[in-house]
Amino acid sequence: VRKISVNLVRRVIYNVNGATKTTLVNLDSFENTEISKDDEIYCEGKLS
């Protein structure tokens, strides 16, 4: 396992009778690349 990424994302959808536009904004991120090789891996973290 090379990398773990976690993101808090806001998705806004504008809808006019089925026609839509969508915007995405990343509010916070977490990343871990130092992962030991094992049969069970636990990654704890937090987003703000």
ModelCIF file with pLDDT and N, C-alpha, C, O atoms, coordinates in Angstrom:
data_MODEL
#
_entry.id   MODEL 
#
_entity.id                         1 
_entity.type                       polymer 
_entity.pdbx_number_of_molecules   1 
#
_entity_poly.entity_id                      1 
_entity_poly.type                           'polypeptide(L)' 
_entity_poly.nstd_linkage                   no 
_entity_poly.nstd_monomer                   no 
_entity_poly.pdbx_seq_one_letter_code       VRKISVNLVRRVIYNVNGATKTTLVNLDSFENTEISKDDEIYCEGKLS 
_entity_poly.pdbx_seq_one_letter_code_can   VRKISVNLVRRVIYNVNGATKTTLVNLDSFENTEISKDDEIYCEGKLS 
_entity_poly.pdbx_strand_id                 A 
#
loop_
_entity_poly_seq.entity_id 
_entity_poly_seq.num 
_entity_poly_seq.mon_id 
_entity_poly_seq.hetero 
1 1  VAL n 
1 2  ARG n 
1 3  LYS n 
1 4  ILE n 
1 5  SER n 
1 6  VAL n 
1 7  ASN n 
1 8  LEU n 
1 9  VAL n 
1 10 ARG n 
1 11 ARG n 
1 12 VAL n 
1 13 ILE n 
1 14 TYR n 
1 15 ASN n 
1 16 VAL n 
1 17 ASN n 
1 18 GLY n 
1 19 ALA n 
1 20 THR n 
1 21 LYS n 
1 22 THR n 
1 23 THR n 
1 24 LEU n 
1 25 VAL n 
1 26 ASN n 
1 27 LEU n 
1 28 ASP n 
1 29 SER n 
1 30 PHE n 
1 31 GLU n 
1 32 ASN n 
1 33 THR n 
1 34 GLU n 
1 35 ILE n 
1 36 SER n 
1 37 LYS n 
1 38 ASP n 
1 39 ASP n 
1 40 GLU n 
1 41 ILE n 
1 42 TYR n 
1 43 CYS n 
1 44 GLU n 
1 45 GLY n 
1 46 LYS n 
1 47 LEU n 
1 48 SER n 
#
_struct_asym.id          A 
_struct_asym.entity_id   1 
#
loop_
_ma_qa_metric.id 
_ma_qa_metric.mode 
_ma_qa_metric.name 
_ma_qa_metric.software_group_id 
_ma_qa_metric.type 
1 global pLDDT . pLDDT 
2 local  pLDDT . pLDDT 
#
_ma_qa_metric_global.metric_id      1 
_ma_qa_metric_global.metric_value   95.62 
_ma_qa_metric_global.model_id       1 
_ma_qa_metric_global.ordinal_id     1 
#
loop_
_ma_qa_metric_local.label_asym_id 
_ma_qa_metric_local.label_comp_id 
_ma_qa_metric_local.label_seq_id 
_ma_qa_metric_local.metric_id 
_ma_qa_metric_local.metric_value 
_ma_qa_metric_local.model_id 
_ma_qa_metric_local.ordinal_id 
A VAL 1  2 95.00 1 1  
A ARG 2  2 95.00 1 2  
A LYS 3  2 96.00 1 3  
A ILE 4  2 97.00 1 4  
A SER 5  2 97.00 1 5  
A VAL 6  2 98.00 1 6  
A ASN 7  2 98.00 1 7  
A LEU 8  2 98.00 1 8  
A VAL 9  2 98.00 1 9  
A ARG 10 2 98.00 1 10 
A ARG 11 2 98.00 1 11 
A VAL 12 2 98.00 1 12 
A ILE 13 2 98.00 1 13 
A TYR 14 2 98.00 1 14 
A ASN 15 2 96.00 1 15 
A VAL 16 2 95.00 1 16 
A ASN 17 2 92.00 1 17 
A GLY 18 2 93.00 1 18 
A ALA 19 2 94.00 1 19 
A THR 20 2 96.00 1 20 
A LYS 21 2 96.00 1 21 
A THR 22 2 97.00 1 22 
A THR 23 2 97.00 1 23 
A LEU 24 2 97.00 1 24 
A VAL 25 2 97.00 1 25 
A ASN 26 2 97.00 1 26 
A LEU 27 2 97.00 1 27 
A ASP 28 2 98.00 1 28 
A SER 29 2 97.00 1 29 
A PHE 30 2 97.00 1 30 
A GLU 31 2 97.00 1 31 
A ASN 32 2 95.00 1 32 
A THR 33 2 93.00 1 33 
A GLU 34 2 91.00 1 34 
A ILE 35 2 91.00 1 35 
A SER 36 2 90.00 1 36 
A LYS 37 2 90.00 1 37 
A ASP 38 2 92.00 1 38 
A ASP 39 2 93.00 1 39 
A GLU 40 2 95.00 1 40 
A ILE 41 2 95.00 1 41 
A TYR 42 2 94.00 1 42 
A CYS 43 2 95.00 1 43 
A GLU 44 2 95.00 1 44 
A GLY 45 2 96.00 1 45 
A LYS 46 2 96.00 1 46 
A LEU 47 2 97.00 1 47 
A SER 48 2 97.00 1 48 
#
loop_
_atom_site.group_PDB 
_atom_site.id 
_atom_site.type_symbol 
_atom_site.label_atom_id 
_atom_site.label_alt_id 
_atom_site.label_comp_id 
_atom_site.label_asym_id 
_atom_site.label_entity_id 
_atom_site.label_seq_id 
_atom_site.pdbx_PDB_ins_code 
_atom_site.Cartn_x 
_atom_site.Cartn_y 
_atom_site.Cartn_z 
_atom_site.occupancy 
_atom_site.B_iso_or_equiv 
_atom_site.pdbx_formal_charge 
_atom_site.auth_seq_id 
_atom_site.auth_comp_id 
_atom_site.auth_asym_id 
_atom_site.auth_atom_id 
_atom_site.pdbx_PDB_model_num 
ATOM 1   N N  . VAL A 1 1  ? 0.864   -1.179 0.000   1.00 95.00 ? 1  VAL A N  1 
ATOM 2   C CA . VAL A 1 1  ? 0.000   0.000  0.000   1.00 95.00 ? 1  VAL A CA 1 
ATOM 3   C C  . VAL A 1 1  ? 0.905   1.235  0.000   1.00 95.00 ? 1  VAL A C  1 
ATOM 4   O O  . VAL A 1 1  ? 1.626   1.488  0.966   1.00 95.00 ? 1  VAL A O  1 
ATOM 5   N N  . ARG A 1 2  ? 0.859   1.978  -1.066  1.00 95.00 ? 2  ARG A N  1 
ATOM 6   C CA . ARG A 1 2  ? 1.785   3.094  -1.232  1.00 95.00 ? 2  ARG A CA 1 
ATOM 7   C C  . ARG A 1 2  ? 1.248   4.410  -0.662  1.00 95.00 ? 2  ARG A C  1 
ATOM 8   O O  . ARG A 1 2  ? 2.020   5.216  -0.141  1.00 95.00 ? 2  ARG A O  1 
ATOM 9   N N  . LYS A 1 3  ? -0.063  4.634  -0.755  1.00 96.00 ? 3  LYS A N  1 
ATOM 10  C CA . LYS A 1 3  ? -0.570  5.959  -0.383  1.00 96.00 ? 3  LYS A CA 1 
ATOM 11  C C  . LYS A 1 3  ? -2.033  5.869  0.031   1.00 96.00 ? 3  LYS A C  1 
ATOM 12  O O  . LYS A 1 3  ? -2.818  5.139  -0.573  1.00 96.00 ? 3  LYS A O  1 
ATOM 13  N N  . ILE A 1 4  ? -2.389  6.622  1.070   1.00 97.00 ? 4  ILE A N  1 
ATOM 14  C CA . ILE A 1 4  ? -3.773  6.768  1.515   1.00 97.00 ? 4  ILE A CA 1 
ATOM 15  C C  . ILE A 1 4  ? -4.124  8.252  1.482   1.00 97.00 ? 4  ILE A C  1 
ATOM 16  O O  . ILE A 1 4  ? -3.415  9.077  2.059   1.00 97.00 ? 4  ILE A O  1 
ATOM 17  N N  . SER A 1 5  ? -5.213  8.585  0.810   1.00 97.00 ? 5  SER A N  1 
ATOM 18  C CA . SER A 1 5  ? -5.661  9.972  0.723   1.00 97.00 ? 5  SER A CA 1 
ATOM 19  C C  . SER A 1 5  ? -7.118  10.065 1.163   1.00 97.00 ? 5  SER A C  1 
ATOM 20  O O  . SER A 1 5  ? -7.944  9.244  0.764   1.00 97.00 ? 5  SER A O  1 
ATOM 21  N N  . VAL A 1 6  ? -7.432  11.067 1.986   1.00 98.00 ? 6  VAL A N  1 
ATOM 22  C CA . VAL A 1 6  ? -8.802  11.299 2.453   1.00 98.00 ? 6  VAL A CA 1 
ATOM 23  C C  . VAL A 1 6  ? -9.100  12.793 2.294   1.00 98.00 ? 6  VAL A C  1 
ATOM 24  O O  . VAL A 1 6  ? -8.285  13.637 2.668   1.00 98.00 ? 6  VAL A O  1 
ATOM 25  N N  . ASN A 1 7  ? -10.275 13.115 1.735   1.00 98.00 ? 7  ASN A N  1 
ATOM 26  C CA . ASN A 1 7  ? -10.639 14.511 1.479   1.00 98.00 ? 7  ASN A CA 1 
ATOM 27  C C  . ASN A 1 7  ? -12.063 14.791 1.940   1.00 98.00 ? 7  ASN A C  1 
ATOM 28  O O  . ASN A 1 7  ? -12.954 13.949 1.822   1.00 98.00 ? 7  ASN A O  1 
ATOM 29  N N  . LEU A 1 8  ? -12.252 15.992 2.466   1.00 98.00 ? 8  LEU A N  1 
ATOM 30  C CA . LEU A 1 8  ? -13.591 16.511 2.750   1.00 98.00 ? 8  LEU A CA 1 
ATOM 31  C C  . LEU A 1 8  ? -13.971 17.409 1.574   1.00 98.00 ? 8  LEU A C  1 
ATOM 32  O O  . LEU A 1 8  ? -13.306 18.413 1.318   1.00 98.00 ? 8  LEU A O  1 
ATOM 33  N N  . VAL A 1 9  ? -15.032 17.054 0.862   1.00 98.00 ? 9  VAL A N  1 
ATOM 34  C CA . VAL A 1 9  ? -15.395 17.721 -0.387  1.00 98.00 ? 9  VAL A CA 1 
ATOM 35  C C  . VAL A 1 9  ? -16.815 18.257 -0.289  1.00 98.00 ? 9  VAL A C  1 
ATOM 36  O O  . VAL A 1 9  ? -17.713 17.595 0.233   1.00 98.00 ? 9  VAL A O  1 
ATOM 37  N N  . ARG A 1 10 ? -17.002 19.473 -0.803  1.00 98.00 ? 10 ARG A N  1 
ATOM 38  C CA . ARG A 1 10 ? -18.352 20.032 -0.944  1.00 98.00 ? 10 ARG A CA 1 
ATOM 39  C C  . ARG A 1 10 ? -18.749 19.979 -2.417  1.00 98.00 ? 10 ARG A C  1 
ATOM 40  O O  . ARG A 1 10 ? -18.052 20.502 -3.286  1.00 98.00 ? 10 ARG A O  1 
ATOM 41  N N  . ARG A 1 11 ? -19.875 19.339 -2.672  1.00 98.00 ? 11 ARG A N  1 
ATOM 42  C CA . ARG A 1 11 ? -20.413 19.254 -4.031  1.00 98.00 ? 11 ARG A CA 1 
ATOM 43  C C  . ARG A 1 11 ? -21.693 20.076 -4.094  1.00 98.00 ? 11 ARG A C  1 
ATOM 44  O O  . ARG A 1 11 ? -22.624 19.842 -3.324  1.00 98.00 ? 11 ARG A O  1 
ATOM 45  N N  . VAL A 1 12 ? -21.741 21.037 -5.009  1.00 98.00 ? 12 VAL A N  1 
ATOM 46  C CA . VAL A 1 12 ? -22.919 21.881 -5.202  1.00 98.00 ? 12 VAL A CA 1 
ATOM 47  C C  . VAL A 1 12 ? -23.514 21.567 -6.568  1.00 98.00 ? 12 VAL A C  1 
ATOM 48  O O  . VAL A 1 12 ? -22.810 21.563 -7.578  1.00 98.00 ? 12 VAL A O  1 
ATOM 49  N N  . ILE A 1 13 ? -24.816 21.304 -6.587  1.00 98.00 ? 13 ILE A N  1 
ATOM 50  C CA . ILE A 1 13 ? -25.509 20.929 -7.820  1.00 98.00 ? 13 ILE A CA 1 
ATOM 51  C C  . ILE A 1 13 ? -26.580 21.966 -8.121  1.00 98.00 ? 13 ILE A C  1 
ATOM 52  O O  . ILE A 1 13 ? -27.435 22.251 -7.283  1.00 98.00 ? 13 ILE A O  1 
ATOM 53  N N  . TYR A 1 14 ? -26.525 22.528 -9.325  1.00 98.00 ? 14 TYR A N  1 
ATOM 54  C CA . TYR A 1 14 ? -27.536 23.465 -9.818  1.00 98.00 ? 14 TYR A CA 1 
ATOM 55  C C  . TYR A 1 14 ? -28.387 22.723 -10.850 1.00 98.00 ? 14 TYR A C  1 
ATOM 56  O O  . TYR A 1 14 ? -27.858 22.135 -11.793 1.00 98.00 ? 14 TYR A O  1 
ATOM 57  N N  . ASN A 1 15 ? -29.693 22.753 -10.666 1.00 96.00 ? 15 ASN A N  1 
ATOM 58  C CA . ASN A 1 15 ? -30.573 21.901 -11.473 1.00 96.00 ? 15 ASN A CA 1 
ATOM 59  C C  . ASN A 1 15 ? -31.699 22.734 -12.078 1.00 96.00 ? 15 ASN A C  1 
ATOM 60  O O  . ASN A 1 15 ? -32.489 23.345 -11.357 1.00 96.00 ? 15 ASN A O  1 
ATOM 61  N N  . VAL A 1 16 ? -31.763 22.752 -13.401 1.00 95.00 ? 16 VAL A N  1 
ATOM 62  C CA . VAL A 1 16 ? -32.864 23.403 -14.118 1.00 95.00 ? 16 VAL A CA 1 
ATOM 63  C C  . VAL A 1 16 ? -33.579 22.340 -14.937 1.00 95.00 ? 16 VAL A C  1 
ATOM 64  O O  . VAL A 1 16 ? -33.180 22.024 -16.057 1.00 95.00 ? 16 VAL A O  1 
ATOM 65  N N  . ASN A 1 17 ? -34.638 21.795 -14.359 1.00 92.00 ? 17 ASN A N  1 
ATOM 66  C CA . ASN A 1 17 ? -35.468 20.803 -15.057 1.00 92.00 ? 17 ASN A CA 1 
ATOM 67  C C  . ASN A 1 17 ? -34.653 19.643 -15.614 1.00 92.00 ? 17 ASN A C  1 
ATOM 68  O O  . ASN A 1 17 ? -34.872 19.205 -16.743 1.00 92.00 ? 17 ASN A O  1 
ATOM 69  N N  . GLY A 1 18 ? -33.709 19.150 -14.813 1.00 93.00 ? 18 GLY A N  1 
ATOM 70  C CA . GLY A 1 18 ? -32.914 17.996 -15.216 1.00 93.00 ? 18 GLY A CA 1 
ATOM 71  C C  . GLY A 1 18 ? -31.564 18.343 -15.805 1.00 93.00 ? 18 GLY A C  1 
ATOM 72  O O  . GLY A 1 18 ? -30.660 17.508 -15.783 1.00 93.00 ? 18 GLY A O  1 
ATOM 73  N N  . ALA A 1 19 ? -31.395 19.534 -16.325 1.00 94.00 ? 19 ALA A N  1 
ATOM 74  C CA . ALA A 1 19 ? -30.085 19.994 -16.797 1.00 94.00 ? 19 ALA A CA 1 
ATOM 75  C C  . ALA A 1 19 ? -29.304 20.498 -15.583 1.00 94.00 ? 19 ALA A C  1 
ATOM 76  O O  . ALA A 1 19 ? -29.802 21.335 -14.830 1.00 94.00 ? 19 ALA A O  1 
ATOM 77  N N  . THR A 1 20 ? -28.091 19.995 -15.390 1.00 96.00 ? 20 THR A N  1 
ATOM 78  C CA . THR A 1 20 ? -27.362 20.301 -14.169 1.00 96.00 ? 20 THR A CA 1 
ATOM 79  C C  . THR A 1 20 ? -25.960 20.829 -14.440 1.00 96.00 ? 20 THR A C  1 
ATOM 80  O O  . THR A 1 20 ? -25.350 20.555 -15.475 1.00 96.00 ? 20 THR A O  1 
ATOM 81  N N  . LYS A 1 21 ? -25.481 21.586 -13.481 1.00 96.00 ? 21 LYS A N  1 
ATOM 82  C CA . LYS A 1 21 ? -24.086 21.987 -13.381 1.00 96.00 ? 21 LYS A CA 1 
ATOM 83  C C  . LYS A 1 21 ? -23.618 21.647 -11.968 1.00 96.00 ? 21 LYS A C  1 
ATOM 84  O O  . LYS A 1 21 ? -24.364 21.807 -11.001 1.00 96.00 ? 21 LYS A O  1 
ATOM 85  N N  . THR A 1 22 ? -22.373 21.174 -11.859 1.00 97.00 ? 22 THR A N  1 
ATOM 86  C CA . THR A 1 22 ? -21.847 20.740 -10.568 1.00 97.00 ? 22 THR A CA 1 
ATOM 87  C C  . THR A 1 22 ? -20.491 21.383 -10.313 1.00 97.00 ? 22 THR A C  1 
ATOM 88  O O  . THR A 1 22 ? -19.652 21.460 -11.210 1.00 97.00 ? 22 THR A O  1 
ATOM 89  N N  . THR A 1 23 ? -20.287 21.839 -9.095  1.00 97.00 ? 23 THR A N  1 
ATOM 90  C CA . THR A 1 23 ? -18.982 22.352 -8.681  1.00 97.00 ? 23 THR A CA 1 
ATOM 91  C C  . THR A 1 23 ? -18.491 21.548 -7.484  1.00 97.00 ? 23 THR A C  1 
ATOM 92  O O  . THR A 1 23 ? -19.283 21.116 -6.646  1.00 97.00 ? 23 THR A O  1 
ATOM 93  N N  . LEU A 1 24 ? -17.174 21.352 -7.413  1.00 97.00 ? 24 LEU A N  1 
ATOM 94  C CA . LEU A 1 24 ? -16.545 20.627 -6.319  1.00 97.00 ? 24 LEU A CA 1 
ATOM 95  C C  . LEU A 1 24 ? -15.500 21.517 -5.659  1.00 97.00 ? 24 LEU A C  1 
ATOM 96  O O  . LEU A 1 24 ? -14.705 22.169 -6.336  1.00 97.00 ? 24 LEU A O  1 
ATOM 97  N N  . VAL A 1 25 ? -15.512 21.538 -4.337  1.00 97.00 ? 25 VAL A N  1 
ATOM 98  C CA . VAL A 1 25 ? -14.533 22.305 -3.570  1.00 97.00 ? 25 VAL A CA 1 
ATOM 99  C C  . VAL A 1 25 ? -13.948 21.394 -2.500  1.00 97.00 ? 25 VAL A C  1 
ATOM 100 O O  . VAL A 1 25 ? -14.679 20.782 -1.722  1.00 97.00 ? 25 VAL A O  1 
ATOM 101 N N  . ASN A 1 26 ? -12.626 21.312 -2.472  1.00 97.00 ? 26 ASN A N  1 
ATOM 102 C CA . ASN A 1 26 ? -11.943 20.517 -1.459  1.00 97.00 ? 26 ASN A CA 1 
ATOM 103 C C  . ASN A 1 26 ? -11.757 21.364 -0.199  1.00 97.00 ? 26 ASN A C  1 
ATOM 104 O O  . ASN A 1 26 ? -11.054 22.374 -0.231  1.00 97.00 ? 26 ASN A O  1 
ATOM 105 N N  . LEU A 1 27 ? -12.384 20.959 0.907   1.00 97.00 ? 27 LEU A N  1 
ATOM 106 C CA . LEU A 1 27 ? -12.357 21.745 2.135   1.00 97.00 ? 27 LEU A CA 1 
ATOM 107 C C  . LEU A 1 27 ? -11.189 21.380 3.047   1.00 97.00 ? 27 LEU A C  1 
ATOM 108 O O  . LEU A 1 27 ? -10.683 22.244 3.764   1.00 97.00 ? 27 LEU A O  1 
ATOM 109 N N  . ASP A 1 28 ? -10.752 20.130 3.037   1.00 98.00 ? 28 ASP A N  1 
ATOM 110 C CA . ASP A 1 28 ? -9.601  19.712 3.833   1.00 98.00 ? 28 ASP A CA 1 
ATOM 111 C C  . ASP A 1 28 ? -9.108  18.358 3.323   1.00 98.00 ? 28 ASP A C  1 
ATOM 112 O O  . ASP A 1 28 ? -9.860  17.598 2.714   1.00 98.00 ? 28 ASP A O  1 
ATOM 113 N N  . SER A 1 29 ? -7.823  18.072 3.584   1.00 97.00 ? 29 SER A N  1 
ATOM 114 C CA . SER A 1 29 ? -7.209  16.854 3.048   1.00 97.00 ? 29 SER A CA 1 
ATOM 115 C C  . SER A 1 29 ? -6.339  16.183 4.097   1.00 97.00 ? 29 SER A C  1 
ATOM 116 O O  . SER A 1 29 ? -5.821  16.825 5.011   1.00 97.00 ? 29 SER A O  1 
ATOM 117 N N  . PHE A 1 30 ? -6.193  14.879 3.940   1.00 97.00 ? 30 PHE A N  1 
ATOM 118 C CA . PHE A 1 30 ? -5.297  14.066 4.758   1.00 97.00 ? 30 PHE A CA 1 
ATOM 119 C C  . PHE A 1 30 ? -4.553  13.121 3.824   1.00 97.00 ? 30 PHE A C  1 
ATOM 120 O O  . PHE A 1 30 ? -5.129  12.591 2.874   1.00 97.00 ? 30 PHE A O  1 
ATOM 121 N N  . GLU A 1 31 ? -3.246  12.911 4.108   1.00 97.00 ? 31 GLU A N  1 
ATOM 122 C CA . GLU A 1 31 ? -2.450  12.025 3.247   1.00 97.00 ? 31 GLU A CA 1 
ATOM 123 C C  . GLU A 1 31 ? -1.430  11.276 4.085   1.00 97.00 ? 31 GLU A C  1 
ATOM 124 O O  . GLU A 1 31 ? -0.830  11.834 5.003   1.00 97.00 ? 31 GLU A O  1 
ATOM 125 N N  . ASN A 1 32 ? -1.241  10.006 3.758   1.00 95.00 ? 32 ASN A N  1 
ATOM 126 C CA . ASN A 1 32 ? -0.270  9.164  4.457   1.00 95.00 ? 32 ASN A CA 1 
ATOM 127 C C  . ASN A 1 32 ? 0.456   8.308  3.430   1.00 95.00 ? 32 ASN A C  1 
ATOM 128 O O  . ASN A 1 32 ? -0.165  7.542  2.694   1.00 95.00 ? 32 ASN A O  1 
ATOM 129 N N  . THR A 1 33 ? 1.776   8.445  3.386   1.00 93.00 ? 33 THR A N  1 
ATOM 130 C CA . THR A 1 33 ? 2.592   7.645  2.463   1.00 93.00 ? 33 THR A CA 1 
ATOM 131 C C  . THR A 1 33 ? 3.544   6.715  3.207   1.00 93.00 ? 33 THR A C  1 
ATOM 132 O O  . THR A 1 33 ? 4.216   5.890  2.589   1.00 93.00 ? 33 THR A O  1 
ATOM 133 N N  . GLU A 1 34 ? 3.604   6.844  4.518   1.00 91.00 ? 34 GLU A N  1 
ATOM 134 C CA . GLU A 1 34 ? 4.475   5.977  5.320   1.00 91.00 ? 34 GLU A CA 1 
ATOM 135 C C  . GLU A 1 34 ? 3.645   4.828  5.889   1.00 91.00 ? 34 GLU A C  1 
ATOM 136 O O  . GLU A 1 34 ? 3.161   4.886  7.020   1.00 91.00 ? 34 GLU A O  1 
ATOM 137 N N  . ILE A 1 35 ? 3.494   3.794  5.083   1.00 91.00 ? 35 ILE A N  1 
ATOM 138 C CA . ILE A 1 35 ? 2.593   2.691  5.421   1.00 91.00 ? 35 ILE A CA 1 
ATOM 139 C C  . ILE A 1 35 ? 3.405   1.394  5.467   1.00 91.00 ? 35 ILE A C  1 
ATOM 140 O O  . ILE A 1 35 ? 4.034   1.006  4.483   1.00 91.00 ? 35 ILE A O  1 
ATOM 141 N N  . SER A 1 36 ? 3.379   0.750  6.600   1.00 90.00 ? 36 SER A N  1 
ATOM 142 C CA . SER A 1 36 ? 4.108   -0.506 6.745   1.00 90.00 ? 36 SER A CA 1 
ATOM 143 C C  . SER A 1 36 ? 3.371   -1.642 6.052   1.00 90.00 ? 36 SER A C  1 
ATOM 144 O O  . SER A 1 36 ? 2.145   -1.634 5.941   1.00 90.00 ? 36 SER A O  1 
ATOM 145 N N  . LYS A 1 37 ? 4.140   -2.613 5.591   1.00 90.00 ? 37 LYS A N  1 
ATOM 146 C CA . LYS A 1 37 ? 3.559   -3.765 4.909   1.00 90.00 ? 37 LYS A CA 1 
ATOM 147 C C  . LYS A 1 37 ? 3.043   -4.751 5.947   1.00 90.00 ? 37 LYS A C  1 
ATOM 148 O O  . LYS A 1 37 ? 3.793   -5.212 6.808   1.00 90.00 ? 37 LYS A O  1 
ATOM 149 N N  . ASP A 1 38 ? 1.749   -5.069 5.858   1.00 92.00 ? 38 ASP A N  1 
ATOM 150 C CA . ASP A 1 38 ? 1.139   -5.941 6.858   1.00 92.00 ? 38 ASP A CA 1 
ATOM 151 C C  . ASP A 1 38 ? -0.142  -6.528 6.283   1.00 92.00 ? 38 ASP A C  1 
ATOM 152 O O  . ASP A 1 38 ? -0.616  -6.088 5.236   1.00 92.00 ? 38 ASP A O  1 
ATOM 153 N N  . ASP A 1 39 ? -0.705  -7.528 6.970   1.00 93.00 ? 39 ASP A N  1 
ATOM 154 C CA . ASP A 1 39 ? -1.954  -8.108 6.499   1.00 93.00 ? 39 ASP A CA 1 
ATOM 155 C C  . ASP A 1 39 ? -3.156  -7.300 6.982   1.00 93.00 ? 39 ASP A C  1 
ATOM 156 O O  . ASP A 1 39 ? -4.249  -7.430 6.430   1.00 93.00 ? 39 ASP A O  1 
ATOM 157 N N  . GLU A 1 40 ? -2.966  -6.478 7.993   1.00 95.00 ? 40 GLU A N  1 
ATOM 158 C CA . GLU A 1 40 ? -4.001  -5.560 8.457   1.00 95.00 ? 40 GLU A CA 1 
ATOM 159 C C  . GLU A 1 40 ? -3.367  -4.201 8.727   1.00 95.00 ? 40 GLU A C  1 
ATOM 160 O O  . GLU A 1 40 ? -2.392  -4.091 9.470   1.00 95.00 ? 40 GLU A O  1 
ATOM 161 N N  . ILE A 1 41 ? -3.934  -3.175 8.113   1.00 95.00 ? 41 ILE A N  1 
ATOM 162 C CA . ILE A 1 41 ? -3.390  -1.824 8.231   1.00 95.00 ? 41 ILE A CA 1 
ATOM 163 C C  . ILE A 1 41 ? -4.489  -0.905 8.757   1.00 95.00 ? 41 ILE A C  1 
ATOM 164 O O  . ILE A 1 41 ? -5.609  -0.904 8.246   1.00 95.00 ? 41 ILE A O  1 
ATOM 165 N N  . TYR A 1 42 ? -4.157  -0.128 9.781   1.00 94.00 ? 42 TYR A N  1 
ATOM 166 C CA . TYR A 1 42 ? -5.123  0.812  10.343  1.00 94.00 ? 42 TYR A CA 1 
ATOM 167 C C  . TYR A 1 42 ? -4.558  2.228  10.220  1.00 94.00 ? 42 TYR A C  1 
ATOM 168 O O  . TYR A 1 42 ? -3.432  2.514  10.628  1.00 94.00 ? 42 TYR A O  1 
ATOM 169 N N  . CYS A 1 43 ? -5.358  3.073  9.663   1.00 95.00 ? 43 CYS A N  1 
ATOM 170 C CA . CYS A 1 43 ? -4.955  4.476  9.494   1.00 95.00 ? 43 CYS A CA 1 
ATOM 171 C C  . CYS A 1 43 ? -5.992  5.362  10.168  1.00 95.00 ? 43 CYS A C  1 
ATOM 172 O O  . CYS A 1 43 ? -7.153  5.392  9.759   1.00 95.00 ? 43 CYS A O  1 
ATOM 173 N N  . GLU A 1 44 ? -5.572  6.080  11.197  1.00 95.00 ? 44 GLU A N  1 
ATOM 174 C CA . GLU A 1 44 ? -6.450  7.002  11.899  1.00 95.00 ? 44 GLU A CA 1 
ATOM 175 C C  . GLU A 1 44 ? -6.038  8.437  11.582  1.00 95.00 ? 44 GLU A C  1 
ATOM 176 O O  . GLU A 1 44 ? -4.852  8.756  11.498  1.00 95.00 ? 44 GLU A O  1 
ATOM 177 N N  . GLY A 1 45 ? -7.029  9.282  11.412  1.00 96.00 ? 45 GLY A N  1 
ATOM 178 C CA . GLY A 1 45 ? -6.738  10.679 11.116  1.00 96.00 ? 45 GLY A CA 1 
ATOM 179 C C  . GLY A 1 45 ? -7.952  11.544 11.376  1.00 96.00 ? 45 GLY A C  1 
ATOM 180 O O  . GLY A 1 45 ? -8.977  11.069 11.864  1.00 96.00 ? 45 GLY A O  1 
ATOM 181 N N  . LYS A 1 46 ? -7.830  12.805 11.049  1.00 96.00 ? 46 LYS A N  1 
ATOM 182 C CA . LYS A 1 46 ? -8.965  13.708 11.206  1.00 96.00 ? 46 LYS A CA 1 
ATOM 183 C C  . LYS A 1 46 ? -8.883  14.817 10.174  1.00 96.00 ? 46 LYS A C  1 
ATOM 184 O O  . LYS A 1 46 ? -7.806  15.207 9.725   1.00 96.00 ? 46 LYS A O  1 
ATOM 185 N N  . LEU A 1 47 ? -10.055 15.309 9.817   1.00 97.00 ? 47 LEU A N  1 
ATOM 186 C CA . LEU A 1 47 ? -10.192 16.454 8.939   1.00 97.00 ? 47 LEU A CA 1 
ATOM 187 C C  . LEU A 1 47 ? -10.832 17.589 9.725   1.00 97.00 ? 47 LEU A C  1 
ATOM 188 O O  . LEU A 1 47 ? -11.531 17.350 10.710  1.00 97.00 ? 47 LEU A O  1 
ATOM 189 N N  . SER A 1 48 ? -10.595 18.815 9.296   1.00 97.00 ? 48 SER A N  1 
ATOM 190 C CA . SER A 1 48 ? -11.153 19.978 9.980   1.00 97.00 ? 48 SER A CA 1 
ATOM 191 C C  . SER A 1 48 ? -12.224 20.618 9.102   1.00 97.00 ? 48 SER A C  1 
ATOM 192 O O  . SER A 1 48 ? -12.825 21.619 9.493   1.00 97.00 ? 48 SER A O  1 
#
